[in-house]
Amino acid sequence: MFGIGQGEFLVILLVAVVLLGPRRLPEVARRLAQVYQVLLAWKAEFDRQLAEIRRDIEAASDVQFSATEEALKDESASTTDEGAGGPAVAFNGQADATPGYSYRDEVQLEAPKGVNGDG
């Protein structure tokens, strides 16, 4: 329980008896048991809600996955490359849609005054 051994538990119990006294110890023990029960109920409710959220996410991802899978099947059926079994996709090494475009052509960088000794 909580990673403590029997000897450590006895020391904690002995300190509790010394600090609280024999009269208050049963009251405190009952109150701690009530708090523990409330915490267990909260944990159970949290676990239930978490399981419900997981089911919702799994259901949504299954629907999304099957819709994506169907779209890919439709696309591959219409654009197969001579029976190669996959979509015919050409990649020319450029991620940009405009060949030869560079953002550097549009951006003219000027050095701040005084940097090049022009004061």
C-alpha atoms as a PDB file:
ATOM      1  CA  MET A   1       0.000   0.000   0.000  1.00  0.00           C
ATOM      2  CA  PHE A   2       1.584   3.298  -1.185  1.00  0.00           C
ATOM      3  CA  GLY A   3       5.012   1.669  -1.324  1.00  0.00           C
ATOM      4  CA  ILE A   4       5.600   1.595   2.436  1.00  0.00           C
ATOM      5  CA  GLY A   5       6.422  -1.468   4.491  1.00  0.00           C
ATOM      6  CA  GLN A   6       4.867  -2.775   7.693  1.00  0.00           C
ATOM      7  CA  GLY A   7       7.554  -1.260   9.890  1.00  0.00           C
ATOM      8  CA  GLU A   8       7.134   2.154   8.355  1.00  0.00           C
ATOM      9  CA  PHE A   9       3.373   1.908   8.739  1.00  0.00           C
ATOM     10  CA  LEU A  10       3.767   1.080  12.449  1.00  0.00           C
ATOM     11  CA  VAL A  11       6.033   4.103  12.941  1.00  0.00           C
ATOM     12  CA  ILE A  12       3.453   6.360  11.250  1.00  0.00           C
ATOM     13  CA  LEU A  13       0.695   4.869  13.416  1.00  0.00           C
ATOM     14  CA  LEU A  14       2.762   5.380  16.573  1.00  0.00           C
ATOM     15  CA  VAL A  15       3.456   9.027  15.661  1.00  0.00           C
ATOM     16  CA  ALA A  16      -0.261   9.534  14.976  1.00  0.00           C
ATOM     17  CA  VAL A  17      -1.189   8.128  18.384  1.00  0.00           C
ATOM     18  CA  VAL A  18       1.360  10.371  20.086  1.00  0.00           C
ATOM     19  CA  LEU A  19       0.313  13.516  18.195  1.00  0.00           C
ATOM     20  CA  LEU A  20      -3.451  13.015  18.160  1.00  0.00           C
ATOM     21  CA  GLY A  21      -3.973  11.045  21.311  1.00  0.00           C
ATOM     22  CA  PRO A  22      -6.165   8.006  21.781  1.00  0.00           C
ATOM     23  CA  ARG A  23      -9.388  10.027  21.862  1.00  0.00           C
ATOM     24  CA  ARG A  24      -9.031  11.897  18.557  1.00  0.00           C
ATOM     25  CA  LEU A  25      -7.398   9.064  16.604  1.00  0.00           C
ATOM     26  CA  PRO A  26     -10.678   7.196  15.835  1.00  0.00           C
ATOM     27  CA  GLU A  27     -12.333  10.436  14.673  1.00  0.00           C
ATOM     28  CA  VAL A  28      -9.426  11.259  12.373  1.00  0.00           C
ATOM     29  CA  ALA A  29      -9.314   7.683  11.068  1.00  0.00           C
ATOM     30  CA  ARG A  30     -13.040   7.804  10.214  1.00  0.00           C
ATOM     31  CA  ARG A  31     -12.631  11.149   8.487  1.00  0.00           C
ATOM     32  CA  LEU A  32      -9.647   9.863   6.484  1.00  0.00           C
ATOM     33  CA  ALA A  33     -11.682   6.803   5.459  1.00  0.00           C
ATOM     34  CA  GLN A  34     -14.505   9.073   4.241  1.00  0.00           C
ATOM     35  CA  VAL A  35     -12.070  11.205   2.256  1.00  0.00           C
ATOM     36  CA  TYR A  36     -10.534   8.054   0.776  1.00  0.00           C
ATOM     37  CA  GLN A  37     -13.975   6.822  -0.312  1.00  0.00           C
ATOM     38  CA  VAL A  38     -14.722  10.168  -1.994  1.00  0.00           C
ATOM     39  CA  LEU A  39     -11.384  10.053  -3.804  1.00  0.00           C
ATOM     40  CA  LEU A  40     -12.114   6.506  -5.006  1.00  0.00           C
ATOM     41  CA  ALA A  41     -15.510   7.636  -6.311  1.00  0.00           C
ATOM     42  CA  TRP A  42     -13.896  10.554  -8.144  1.00  0.00           C
ATOM     43  CA  LYS A  43     -11.307   8.218  -9.643  1.00  0.00           C
ATOM     44  CA  ALA A  44     -13.997   5.809 -10.813  1.00  0.00           C
ATOM     45  CA  GLU A  45     -15.968   8.650 -12.435  1.00  0.00           C
ATOM     46  CA  PHE A  46     -12.808   9.987 -14.091  1.00  0.00           C
ATOM     47  CA  ASP A  47     -11.944   6.522 -15.432  1.00  0.00           C
ATOM     48  CA  ARG A  48     -15.491   6.120 -16.758  1.00  0.00           C
ATOM     49  CA  GLN A  49     -15.385   9.467 -18.545  1.00  0.00           C
ATOM     50  CA  LEU A  50     -11.918   8.748 -19.917  1.00  0.00           C
ATOM     51  CA  ALA A  51     -13.088   5.390 -21.291  1.00  0.00           C
ATOM     52  CA  GLU A  52     -16.070   7.116 -22.913  1.00  0.00           C
ATOM     53  CA  ILE A  53     -13.808   9.711 -24.535  1.00  0.00           C
ATOM     54  CA  ARG A  54     -11.494   6.953 -25.797  1.00  0.00           C
ATOM     55  CA  ARG A  55     -14.451   5.108 -27.336  1.00  0.00           C
ATOM     56  CA  ASP A  56     -15.629   8.317 -29.030  1.00  0.00           C
ATOM     57  CA  ILE A  57     -12.153   9.024 -30.401  1.00  0.00           C
ATOM     58  CA  GLU A  58     -11.737   5.450 -31.640  1.00  0.00           C
ATOM     59  CA  ALA A  59     -15.152   5.540 -33.293  1.00  0.00           C
ATOM     60  CA  ALA A  60     -14.375   8.872 -34.962  1.00  0.00           C
ATOM     61  CA  SER A  61     -10.956   7.711 -36.113  1.00  0.00           C
ATOM     62  CA  ASP A  62     -12.441   4.473 -37.511  1.00  0.00           C
ATOM     63  CA  VAL A  63     -14.979   6.484 -39.496  1.00  0.00           C
ATOM     64  CA  GLN A  64     -12.321   8.909 -40.692  1.00  0.00           C
ATOM     65  CA  PHE A  65      -9.914   6.075 -41.533  1.00  0.00           C
ATOM     66  CA  SER A  66     -12.517   4.155 -43.526  1.00  0.00           C
ATOM     67  CA  ALA A  67     -13.537   7.337 -45.392  1.00  0.00           C
ATOM     68  CA  THR A  68      -9.895   8.079 -46.210  1.00  0.00           C
ATOM     69  CA  GLU A  69      -9.331   4.479 -47.235  1.00  0.00           C
ATOM     70  CA  GLU A  70     -12.322   4.612 -49.590  1.00  0.00           C
ATOM     71  CA  ALA A  71     -11.093   7.882 -51.103  1.00  0.00           C
ATOM     72  CA  LEU A  72      -7.657   6.376 -51.696  1.00  0.00           C
ATOM     73  CA  LYS A  73      -9.168   3.295 -53.303  1.00  0.00           C
ATOM     74  CA  ASP A  74     -11.281   5.470 -55.605  1.00  0.00           C
ATOM     75  CA  GLU A  75      -8.278   7.623 -56.496  1.00  0.00           C
ATOM     76  CA  SER A  76      -5.980   4.680 -57.140  1.00  0.00           C
ATOM     77  CA  ALA A  77      -8.596   3.009 -59.307  1.00  0.00           C
ATOM     78  CA  SER A  78      -8.870   6.097 -61.496  1.00  0.00           C
ATOM     79  CA  THR A  79      -5.170   6.998 -61.680  1.00  0.00           C
ATOM     80  CA  THR A  80      -3.216   3.740 -61.732  1.00  0.00           C
ATOM     81  CA  ASP A  81      -0.003   3.678 -63.707  1.00  0.00           C
ATOM     82  CA  GLU A  82      -0.201   0.879 -66.294  1.00  0.00           C
ATOM     83  CA  GLY A  83      -1.300  -1.661 -63.695  1.00  0.00           C
ATOM     84  CA  ALA A  84       1.487  -0.836 -61.243  1.00  0.00           C
ATOM     85  CA  GLY A  85      -1.023  -1.100 -58.408  1.00  0.00           C
ATOM     86  CA  GLY A  86      -0.645   2.402 -57.001  1.00  0.00           C
ATOM     87  CA  PRO A  87      -1.520   5.937 -57.905  1.00  0.00           C
ATOM     88  CA  ALA A  88       0.574   7.508 -60.641  1.00  0.00           C
ATOM     89  CA  VAL A  89       2.260  10.387 -58.853  1.00  0.00           C
ATOM     90  CA  ALA A  90       5.086  12.385 -60.349  1.00  0.00           C
ATOM     91  CA  PHE A  91       7.490  14.180 -58.041  1.00  0.00           C
ATOM     92  CA  ASN A  92      10.095  16.399 -59.588  1.00  0.00           C
ATOM     93  CA  GLY A  93      11.949  17.192 -56.367  1.00  0.00           C
ATOM     94  CA  GLN A  94      10.334  20.591 -55.864  1.00  0.00           C
ATOM     95  CA  ALA A  95       7.831  21.103 -53.099  1.00  0.00           C
ATOM     96  CA  ASP A  96       6.764  24.409 -54.636  1.00  0.00           C
ATOM     97  CA  ALA A  97       4.045  24.449 -57.286  1.00  0.00           C
ATOM     98  CA  THR A  98       5.703  27.219 -59.290  1.00  0.00           C
ATOM     99  CA  PRO A  99       8.872  26.033 -61.057  1.00  0.00           C
ATOM    100  CA  GLY A 100      11.851  28.300 -60.547  1.00  0.00           C
ATOM    101  CA  TYR A 101      10.129  30.427 -57.876  1.00  0.00           C
ATOM    102  CA  SER A 102      12.125  31.613 -54.919  1.00  0.00           C
ATOM    103  CA  TYR A 103      10.970  33.883 -52.135  1.00  0.00           C
ATOM    104  CA  ARG A 104      14.427  35.464 -52.241  1.00  0.00           C
ATOM    105  CA  ASP A 105      13.473  37.052 -55.564  1.00  0.00           C
ATOM    106  CA  GLU A 106      10.748  39.042 -53.838  1.00  0.00           C
ATOM    107  CA  VAL A 107      12.588  39.993 -50.666  1.00  0.00           C
ATOM    108  CA  GLN A 108      15.228  42.660 -50.976  1.00  0.00           C
ATOM    109  CA  LEU A 109      17.293  42.729 -47.829  1.00  0.00           C
ATOM    110  CA  GLU A 110      18.958  46.014 -47.019  1.00  0.00           C
ATOM    111  CA  ALA A 111      21.589  46.437 -44.365  1.00  0.00           C
ATOM    112  CA  PRO A 112      20.738  48.978 -41.659  1.00  0.00           C
ATOM    113  CA  LYS A 113      22.508  52.313 -41.982  1.00  0.00           C
ATOM    114  CA  GLY A 114      25.869  52.383 -40.334  1.00  0.00           C
ATOM    115  CA  VAL A 115      26.499  48.662 -40.664  1.00  0.00           C
ATOM    116  CA  ASN A 116      28.488  48.942 -43.899  1.00  0.00           C
ATOM    117  CA  GLY A 117      30.251  52.100 -42.791  1.00  0.00           C
ATOM    118  CA  ASP A 118      27.855  54.402 -44.659  1.00  0.00           C
ATOM    119  CA  GLY A 119      27.011  56.234 -41.412  1.00  0.00           C
END
